[in-house]
Amino acid sequence: MKLCCLTLLLAGCQSEVIVTKREPVFPPGQYLSECPLDYSDRTPAGVIRTLAAGIDCERADKRAIRCWVASFDGEECNGGE
């Protein structure tokens, strides 16, 4: 009971109410788009090359997003490694 009254008493001392609203910040669109891949070469070697290119593209996007986040913290980007 005492804690409740103290809380109400202290809340009444505030002269200004500050309302904050968080707005989401998203990375630039080029980091969120799909990597273009060419699936025209249907040989096993061609499929492996295409999958490897896709993995490399996704890794590059992740690296770019890590650098983008680091720019908000004032840190220098080293490629996320």
PDB file of N, CA and C in Angstrom:
ATOM      1  N   MET A   1       0.832  -1.190   0.000  1.00  0.00           N
ATOM      2  CA  MET A   1       0.000   0.000   0.000  1.00  0.00           C
ATOM      3  C   MET A   1       0.871   1.245   0.000  1.00  0.00           C
ATOM      4  N   LYS A   2       1.921   1.239   0.829  1.00  0.00           N
ATOM      5  CA  LYS A   2       2.796   2.408   0.911  1.00  0.00           C
ATOM      6  C   LYS A   2       3.498   2.654  -0.425  1.00  0.00           C
ATOM      7  N   LEU A   3       3.936   1.572  -1.093  1.00  0.00           N
ATOM      8  CA  LEU A   3       4.623   1.711  -2.375  1.00  0.00           C
ATOM      9  C   LEU A   3       3.698   2.305  -3.421  1.00  0.00           C
ATOM     10  N   CYS A   4       2.447   1.887  -3.432  1.00  0.00           N
ATOM     11  CA  CYS A   4       1.472   2.401  -4.380  1.00  0.00           C
ATOM     12  C   CYS A   4       1.264   3.901  -4.180  1.00  0.00           C
ATOM     13  N   CYS A   5       1.121   4.335  -2.947  1.00  0.00           N
ATOM     14  CA  CYS A   5       0.917   5.757  -2.658  1.00  0.00           C
ATOM     15  C   CYS A   5       2.149   6.571  -3.025  1.00  0.00           C
ATOM     16  N   LEU A   6       3.325   6.051  -2.746  1.00  0.00           N
ATOM     17  CA  LEU A   6       4.564   6.728  -3.087  1.00  0.00           C
ATOM     18  C   LEU A   6       4.686   6.892  -4.596  1.00  0.00           C
ATOM     19  N   THR A   7       4.325   5.845  -5.342  1.00  0.00           N
ATOM     20  CA  THR A   7       4.377   5.906  -6.793  1.00  0.00           C
ATOM     21  C   THR A   7       3.440   6.979  -7.323  1.00  0.00           C
ATOM     22  N   LEU A   8       2.227   7.016  -6.804  1.00  0.00           N
ATOM     23  CA  LEU A   8       1.269   8.027  -7.239  1.00  0.00           C
ATOM     24  C   LEU A   8       1.732   9.429  -6.860  1.00  0.00           C
ATOM     25  N   LEU A   9       2.324   9.560  -5.696  1.00  0.00           N
ATOM     26  CA  LEU A   9       2.823  10.854  -5.255  1.00  0.00           C
ATOM     27  C   LEU A   9       3.948  11.343  -6.152  1.00  0.00           C
ATOM     28  N   LEU A  10       4.898  10.459  -6.471  1.00  0.00           N
ATOM     29  CA  LEU A  10       6.016  10.845  -7.325  1.00  0.00           C
ATOM     30  C   LEU A  10       5.557  11.112  -8.758  1.00  0.00           C
ATOM     31  N   ALA A  11       4.575  10.363  -9.234  1.00  0.00           N
ATOM     32  CA  ALA A  11       4.073  10.585 -10.587  1.00  0.00           C
ATOM     33  C   ALA A  11       3.419  11.946 -10.701  1.00  0.00           C
ATOM     34  N   GLY A  12       2.848  12.444  -9.614  1.00  0.00           N
ATOM     35  CA  GLY A  12       2.211  13.751  -9.641  1.00  0.00           C
ATOM     36  C   GLY A  12       3.206  14.889  -9.699  1.00  0.00           C
ATOM     37  N   CYS A  13       4.481  14.637  -9.448  1.00  0.00           N
ATOM     38  CA  CYS A  13       5.502  15.679  -9.470  1.00  0.00           C
ATOM     39  C   CYS A  13       5.953  16.041 -10.875  1.00  0.00           C
ATOM     40  N   GLN A  14       5.679  15.202 -11.816  1.00  0.00           N
ATOM     41  CA  GLN A  14       6.147  15.466 -13.175  1.00  0.00           C
ATOM     42  C   GLN A  14       5.336  16.594 -13.790  1.00  0.00           C
ATOM     43  N   SER A  15       6.032  17.558 -14.367  1.00  0.00           N
ATOM     44  CA  SER A  15       5.340  18.681 -14.991  1.00  0.00           C
ATOM     45  C   SER A  15       5.219  18.511 -16.493  1.00  0.00           C
ATOM     46  N   GLU A  16       5.994  17.629 -17.060  1.00  0.00           N
ATOM     47  CA  GLU A  16       6.007  17.458 -18.510  1.00  0.00           C
ATOM     48  C   GLU A  16       5.938  15.968 -18.847  1.00  0.00           C
ATOM     49  N   VAL A  17       5.093  15.635 -19.795  1.00  0.00           N
ATOM     50  CA  VAL A  17       4.970  14.252 -20.232  1.00  0.00           C
ATOM     51  C   VAL A  17       5.642  14.127 -21.589  1.00  0.00           C
ATOM     52  N   ILE A  18       6.563  13.220 -21.698  1.00  0.00           N
ATOM     53  CA  ILE A  18       7.280  13.008 -22.954  1.00  0.00           C
ATOM     54  C   ILE A  18       6.814  11.692 -23.537  1.00  0.00           C
ATOM     55  N   VAL A  19       6.296  11.770 -24.748  1.00  0.00           N
ATOM     56  CA  VAL A  19       5.840  10.571 -25.440  1.00  0.00           C
ATOM     57  C   VAL A  19       6.824  10.291 -26.569  1.00  0.00           C
ATOM     58  N   THR A  20       7.392   9.122 -26.569  1.00  0.00           N
ATOM     59  CA  THR A  20       8.319   8.757 -27.634  1.00  0.00           C
ATOM     60  C   THR A  20       7.712   7.630 -28.449  1.00  0.00           C
ATOM     61  N   LYS A  21       7.984   7.670 -29.705  1.00  0.00           N
ATOM     62  CA  LYS A  21       7.491   6.632 -30.603  1.00  0.00           C
ATOM     63  C   LYS A  21       8.670   6.122 -31.409  1.00  0.00           C
ATOM     64  N   ARG A  22       8.861   4.824 -31.381  1.00  0.00           N
ATOM     65  CA  ARG A  22       9.953   4.219 -32.146  1.00  0.00           C
ATOM     66  C   ARG A  22       9.522   4.048 -33.582  1.00  0.00           C
ATOM     67  N   GLU A  23      10.352   4.495 -34.479  1.00  0.00           N
ATOM     68  CA  GLU A  23      10.109   4.267 -35.890  1.00  0.00           C
ATOM     69  C   GLU A  23      11.156   3.289 -36.388  1.00  0.00           C
ATOM     70  N   PRO A  24      10.722   2.224 -37.042  1.00  0.00           N
ATOM     71  CA  PRO A  24      11.694   1.235 -37.520  1.00  0.00           C
ATOM     72  C   PRO A  24      12.597   1.827 -38.599  1.00  0.00           C
ATOM     73  N   VAL A  25      13.839   1.419 -38.565  1.00  0.00           N
ATOM     74  CA  VAL A  25      14.806   1.842 -39.577  1.00  0.00           C
ATOM     75  C   VAL A  25      15.233   0.587 -40.323  1.00  0.00           C
ATOM     76  N   PHE A  26      14.993   0.587 -41.605  1.00  0.00           N
ATOM     77  CA  PHE A  26      15.319  -0.570 -42.426  1.00  0.00           C
ATOM     78  C   PHE A  26      16.538  -0.285 -43.278  1.00  0.00           C
ATOM     79  N   PRO A  27      17.306  -1.304 -43.625  1.00  0.00           N
ATOM     80  CA  PRO A  27      18.465  -1.099 -44.497  1.00  0.00           C
ATOM     81  C   PRO A  27      18.008  -0.669 -45.891  1.00  0.00           C
ATOM     82  N   PRO A  28      18.905  -0.077 -46.647  1.00  0.00           N
ATOM     83  CA  PRO A  28      18.565   0.331 -48.009  1.00  0.00           C
ATOM     84  C   PRO A  28      18.022  -0.838 -48.833  1.00  0.00           C
ATOM     85  N   GLY A  29      17.126  -0.532 -49.738  1.00  0.00           N
ATOM     86  CA  GLY A  29      16.434  -1.543 -50.526  1.00  0.00           C
ATOM     87  C   GLY A  29      17.333  -2.473 -51.316  1.00  0.00           C
ATOM     88  N   GLN A  30      18.470  -1.965 -51.780  1.00  0.00           N
ATOM     89  CA  GLN A  30      19.343  -2.830 -52.578  1.00  0.00           C
ATOM     90  C   GLN A  30      19.908  -3.982 -51.756  1.00  0.00           C
ATOM     91  N   TYR A  31      19.915  -3.846 -50.428  1.00  0.00           N
ATOM     92  CA  TYR A  31      20.395  -4.945 -49.583  1.00  0.00           C
ATOM     93  C   TYR A  31      19.302  -5.976 -49.308  1.00  0.00           C
ATOM     94  N   LEU A  32      18.064  -5.620 -49.592  1.00  0.00           N
ATOM     95  CA  LEU A  32      16.945  -6.507 -49.294  1.00  0.00           C
ATOM     96  C   LEU A  32      16.395  -7.218 -50.533  1.00  0.00           C
ATOM     97  N   SER A  33      16.892  -6.859 -51.698  1.00  0.00           N
ATOM     98  CA  SER A  33      16.380  -7.474 -52.922  1.00  0.00           C
ATOM     99  C   SER A  33      17.051  -8.831 -53.146  1.00  0.00           C
ATOM    100  N   GLU A  34      16.376  -9.658 -53.904  1.00  0.00           N
ATOM    101  CA  GLU A  34      16.920 -10.984 -54.183  1.00  0.00           C
ATOM    102  C   GLU A  34      18.103 -10.883 -55.141  1.00  0.00           C
ATOM    103  N   CYS A  35      19.007 -11.800 -55.015  1.00  0.00           N
ATOM    104  CA  CYS A  35      20.155 -11.852 -55.920  1.00  0.00           C
ATOM    105  C   CYS A  35      19.712 -12.485 -57.245  1.00  0.00           C
ATOM    106  N   PRO A  36      19.989 -11.816 -58.351  1.00  0.00           N
ATOM    107  CA  PRO A  36      19.609 -12.400 -59.636  1.00  0.00           C
ATOM    108  C   PRO A  36      20.516 -13.584 -59.986  1.00  0.00           C
ATOM    109  N   LEU A  37      19.899 -14.710 -60.275  1.00  0.00           N
ATOM    110  CA  LEU A  37      20.658 -15.908 -60.612  1.00  0.00           C
ATOM    111  C   LEU A  37      20.171 -16.447 -61.955  1.00  0.00           C
ATOM    112  N   ASP A  38      21.095 -16.973 -62.723  1.00  0.00           N
ATOM    113  CA  ASP A  38      20.778 -17.538 -64.036  1.00  0.00           C
ATOM    114  C   ASP A  38      20.778 -19.062 -63.928  1.00  0.00           C
ATOM    115  N   TYR A  39      19.598 -19.634 -64.047  1.00  0.00           N
ATOM    116  CA  TYR A  39      19.460 -21.085 -63.946  1.00  0.00           C
ATOM    117  C   TYR A  39      19.377 -21.758 -65.316  1.00  0.00           C
ATOM    118  N   SER A  40      19.864 -21.105 -66.345  1.00  0.00           N
ATOM    119  CA  SER A  40      19.731 -21.667 -67.695  1.00  0.00           C
ATOM    120  C   SER A  40      20.667 -22.848 -67.937  1.00  0.00           C
ATOM    121  N   ASP A  41      21.819 -22.863 -67.278  1.00  0.00           N
ATOM    122  CA  ASP A  41      22.764 -23.970 -67.449  1.00  0.00           C
ATOM    123  C   ASP A  41      22.340 -25.112 -66.526  1.00  0.00           C
ATOM    124  N   ARG A  42      21.754 -26.171 -67.076  1.00  0.00           N
ATOM    125  CA  ARG A  42      21.187 -27.257 -66.278  1.00  0.00           C
ATOM    126  C   ARG A  42      22.162 -28.412 -66.034  1.00  0.00           C
ATOM    127  N   THR A  43      23.410 -28.228 -66.408  1.00  0.00           N
ATOM    128  CA  THR A  43      24.386 -29.284 -66.133  1.00  0.00           C
ATOM    129  C   THR A  43      24.725 -29.268 -64.643  1.00  0.00           C
ATOM    130  N   PRO A  44      25.201 -30.359 -64.098  1.00  0.00           N
ATOM    131  CA  PRO A  44      25.567 -30.360 -62.673  1.00  0.00           C
ATOM    132  C   PRO A  44      26.577 -29.264 -62.321  1.00  0.00           C
ATOM    133  N   ALA A  45      27.569 -29.078 -63.175  1.00  0.00           N
ATOM    134  CA  ALA A  45      28.569 -28.033 -62.904  1.00  0.00           C
ATOM    135  C   ALA A  45      27.929 -26.646 -62.957  1.00  0.00           C
ATOM    136  N   GLY A  46      27.008 -26.439 -63.901  1.00  0.00           N
ATOM    137  CA  GLY A  46      26.326 -25.150 -64.014  1.00  0.00           C
ATOM    138  C   GLY A  46      25.448 -24.856 -62.817  1.00  0.00           C
ATOM    139  N   VAL A  47      24.757 -25.879 -62.323  1.00  0.00           N
ATOM    140  CA  VAL A  47      23.914 -25.701 -61.142  1.00  0.00           C
ATOM    141  C   VAL A  47      24.775 -25.363 -59.929  1.00  0.00           C
ATOM    142  N   ILE A  48      25.898 -26.024 -59.788  1.00  0.00           N
ATOM    143  CA  ILE A  48      26.803 -25.747 -58.661  1.00  0.00           C
ATOM    144  C   ILE A  48      27.346 -24.328 -58.751  1.00  0.00           C
ATOM    145  N   ARG A  49      27.724 -23.900 -59.964  1.00  0.00           N
ATOM    146  CA  ARG A  49      28.212 -22.525 -60.142  1.00  0.00           C
ATOM    147  C   ARG A  49      27.117 -21.515 -59.777  1.00  0.00           C
ATOM    148  N   THR A  50      25.891 -21.790 -60.194  1.00  0.00           N
ATOM    149  CA  THR A  50      24.785 -20.881 -59.892  1.00  0.00           C
ATOM    150  C   THR A  50      24.528 -20.811 -58.396  1.00  0.00           C
ATOM    151  N   LEU A  51      24.522 -21.954 -57.728  1.00  0.00           N
ATOM    152  CA  LEU A  51      24.316 -21.959 -56.286  1.00  0.00           C
ATOM    153  C   LEU A  51      25.457 -21.247 -55.553  1.00  0.00           C
ATOM    154  N   ALA A  52      26.673 -21.451 -56.010  1.00  0.00           N
ATOM    155  CA  ALA A  52      27.820 -20.776 -55.398  1.00  0.00           C
ATOM    156  C   ALA A  52      27.717 -19.261 -55.587  1.00  0.00           C
ATOM    157  N   ALA A  53      27.265 -18.838 -56.778  1.00  0.00           N
ATOM    158  CA  ALA A  53      27.088 -17.406 -57.032  1.00  0.00           C
ATOM    159  C   ALA A  53      26.005 -16.834 -56.116  1.00  0.00           C
ATOM    160  N   GLY A  54      24.945 -17.602 -55.901  1.00  0.00           N
ATOM    161  CA  GLY A  54      23.882 -17.155 -54.998  1.00  0.00           C
ATOM    162  C   GLY A  54      24.363 -17.001 -53.572  1.00  0.00           C
ATOM    163  N   ILE A  55      25.160 -17.946 -53.122  1.00  0.00           N
ATOM    164  CA  ILE A  55      25.708 -17.866 -51.764  1.00  0.00           C
ATOM    165  C   ILE A  55      26.643 -16.665 -51.639  1.00  0.00           C
ATOM    166  N   ASP A  56      27.481 -16.443 -52.637  1.00  0.00           N
ATOM    167  CA  ASP A  56      28.384 -15.284 -52.610  1.00  0.00           C
ATOM    168  C   ASP A  56      27.606 -13.975 -52.577  1.00  0.00           C
ATOM    169  N   CYS A  57      26.526 -13.919 -53.355  1.00  0.00           N
ATOM    170  CA  CYS A  57      25.698 -12.712 -53.390  1.00  0.00           C
ATOM    171  C   CYS A  57      25.049 -12.455 -52.030  1.00  0.00           C
ATOM    172  N   GLU A  58      24.515 -13.489 -51.414  1.00  0.00           N
ATOM    173  CA  GLU A  58      23.894 -13.331 -50.102  1.00  0.00           C
ATOM    174  C   GLU A  58      24.914 -12.929 -49.044  1.00  0.00           C
ATOM    175  N   ARG A  59      26.103 -13.481 -49.120  1.00  0.00           N
ATOM    176  CA  ARG A  59      27.159 -13.088 -48.170  1.00  0.00           C
ATOM    177  C   ARG A  59      27.536 -11.626 -48.348  1.00  0.00           C
ATOM    178  N   ALA A  60      27.594 -11.166 -49.597  1.00  0.00           N
ATOM    179  CA  ALA A  60      27.912  -9.759 -49.861  1.00  0.00           C
ATOM    180  C   ALA A  60      26.818  -8.852 -49.290  1.00  0.00           C
ATOM    181  N   ASP A  61      25.552  -9.276 -49.429  1.00  0.00           N
ATOM    182  CA  ASP A  61      24.462  -8.484 -48.861  1.00  0.00           C
ATOM    183  C   ASP A  61      24.566  -8.414 -47.343  1.00  0.00           C
ATOM    184  N   LYS A  62      24.881  -9.529 -46.711  1.00  0.00           N
ATOM    185  CA  LYS A  62      25.036  -9.533 -45.251  1.00  0.00           C
ATOM    186  C   LYS A  62      26.183  -8.620 -44.827  1.00  0.00           C
ATOM    187  N   ARG A  63      27.282  -8.678 -45.575  1.00  0.00           N
ATOM    188  CA  ARG A  63      28.424  -7.816 -45.276  1.00  0.00           C
ATOM    189  C   ARG A  63      28.018  -6.351 -45.391  1.00  0.00           C
ATOM    190  N   ALA A  64      27.256  -6.013 -46.437  1.00  0.00           N
ATOM    191  CA  ALA A  64      26.828  -4.637 -46.645  1.00  0.00           C
ATOM    192  C   ALA A  64      25.894  -4.188 -45.525  1.00  0.00           C
ATOM    193  N   ILE A  65      25.011  -5.064 -45.067  1.00  0.00           N
ATOM    194  CA  ILE A  65      24.108  -4.705 -43.975  1.00  0.00           C
ATOM    195  C   ILE A  65      24.900  -4.494 -42.687  1.00  0.00           C
ATOM    196  N   ARG A  66      25.897  -5.338 -42.430  1.00  0.00           N
ATOM    197  CA  ARG A  66      26.732  -5.142 -41.235  1.00  0.00           C
ATOM    198  C   ARG A  66      27.459  -3.802 -41.300  1.00  0.00           C
ATOM    199  N   CYS A  67      27.941  -3.429 -42.460  1.00  0.00           N
ATOM    200  CA  CYS A  67      28.612  -2.133 -42.616  1.00  0.00           C
ATOM    201  C   CYS A  67      27.627  -0.989 -42.428  1.00  0.00           C
ATOM    202  N   TRP A  68      26.416  -1.173 -42.936  1.00  0.00           N
ATOM    203  CA  TRP A  68      25.387  -0.151 -42.794  1.00  0.00           C
ATOM    204  C   TRP A  68      25.055   0.063 -41.313  1.00  0.00           C
ATOM    205  N   VAL A  69      24.933  -1.028 -40.552  1.00  0.00           N
ATOM    206  CA  VAL A  69      24.658  -0.929 -39.119  1.00  0.00           C
ATOM    207  C   VAL A  69      25.837  -0.267 -38.410  1.00  0.00           C
ATOM    208  N   ALA A  70      27.044  -0.628 -38.794  1.00  0.00           N
ATOM    209  CA  ALA A  70      28.238  -0.054 -38.164  1.00  0.00           C
ATOM    210  C   ALA A  70      28.317   1.450 -38.392  1.00  0.00           C
ATOM    211  N   SER A  71      27.787   1.921 -39.511  1.00  0.00           N
ATOM    212  CA  SER A  71      27.833   3.358 -39.802  1.00  0.00           C
ATOM    213  C   SER A  71      27.006   4.152 -38.791  1.00  0.00           C
ATOM    214  N   PHE A  72      25.977   3.549 -38.195  1.00  0.00           N
ATOM    215  CA  PHE A  72      25.184   4.235 -37.179  1.00  0.00           C
ATOM    216  C   PHE A  72      25.925   4.323 -35.861  1.00  0.00           C
ATOM    217  N   ASP A  73      26.780   3.371 -35.604  1.00  0.00           N
ATOM    218  CA  ASP A  73      27.545   3.350 -34.361  1.00  0.00           C
ATOM    219  C   ASP A  73      28.843   4.139 -34.474  1.00  0.00           C
ATOM    220  N   GLY A  74      29.110   4.685 -35.651  1.00  0.00           N
ATOM    221  CA  GLY A  74      30.341   5.423 -35.858  1.00  0.00           C
ATOM    222  C   GLY A  74      31.562   4.535 -35.988  1.00  0.00           C
ATOM    223  N   GLU A  75      31.328   3.276 -36.222  1.00  0.00           N
ATOM    224  CA  GLU A  75      32.440   2.339 -36.350  1.00  0.00           C
ATOM    225  C   GLU A  75      32.884   2.233 -37.807  1.00  0.00           C
ATOM    226  N   GLU A  76      34.143   1.885 -37.969  1.00  0.00           N
ATOM    227  CA  GLU A  76      34.652   1.659 -39.316  1.00  0.00           C
ATOM    228  C   GLU A  76      34.293   0.244 -39.738  1.00  0.00           C
ATOM    229  N   CYS A  77      33.867   0.101 -40.976  1.00  0.00           N
ATOM    230  CA  CYS A  77      33.444  -1.212 -41.465  1.00  0.00           C
ATOM    231  C   CYS A  77      34.647  -1.967 -41.985  1.00  0.00           C
ATOM    232  N   ASN A  78      34.789  -3.202 -41.508  1.00  0.00           N
ATOM    233  CA  ASN A  78      35.876  -4.042 -41.995  1.00  0.00           C
ATOM    234  C   ASN A  78      35.327  -5.215 -42.797  1.00  0.00           C
ATOM    235  N   GLY A  79      34.103  -5.063 -43.283  1.00  0.00           N
ATOM    236  CA  GLY A  79      33.501  -6.142 -44.057  1.00  0.00           C
ATOM    237  C   GLY A  79      32.789  -7.152 -43.192  1.00  0.00           C
ATOM    238  N   GLY A  80      32.640  -6.868 -41.913  1.00  0.00           N
ATOM    239  CA  GLY A  80      31.923  -7.761 -41.022  1.00  0.00           C
ATOM    240  C   GLY A  80      32.714  -8.963 -40.579  1.00  0.00           C
ATOM    241  N   GLU A  81      33.997  -8.930 -40.738  1.00  0.00           N
ATOM    242  CA  GLU A  81      34.818 -10.086 -40.377  1.00  0.00           C
ATOM    243  C   GLU A  81      35.591  -9.806 -39.112  1.00  0.00           C
TER     244      GLU A  81
END
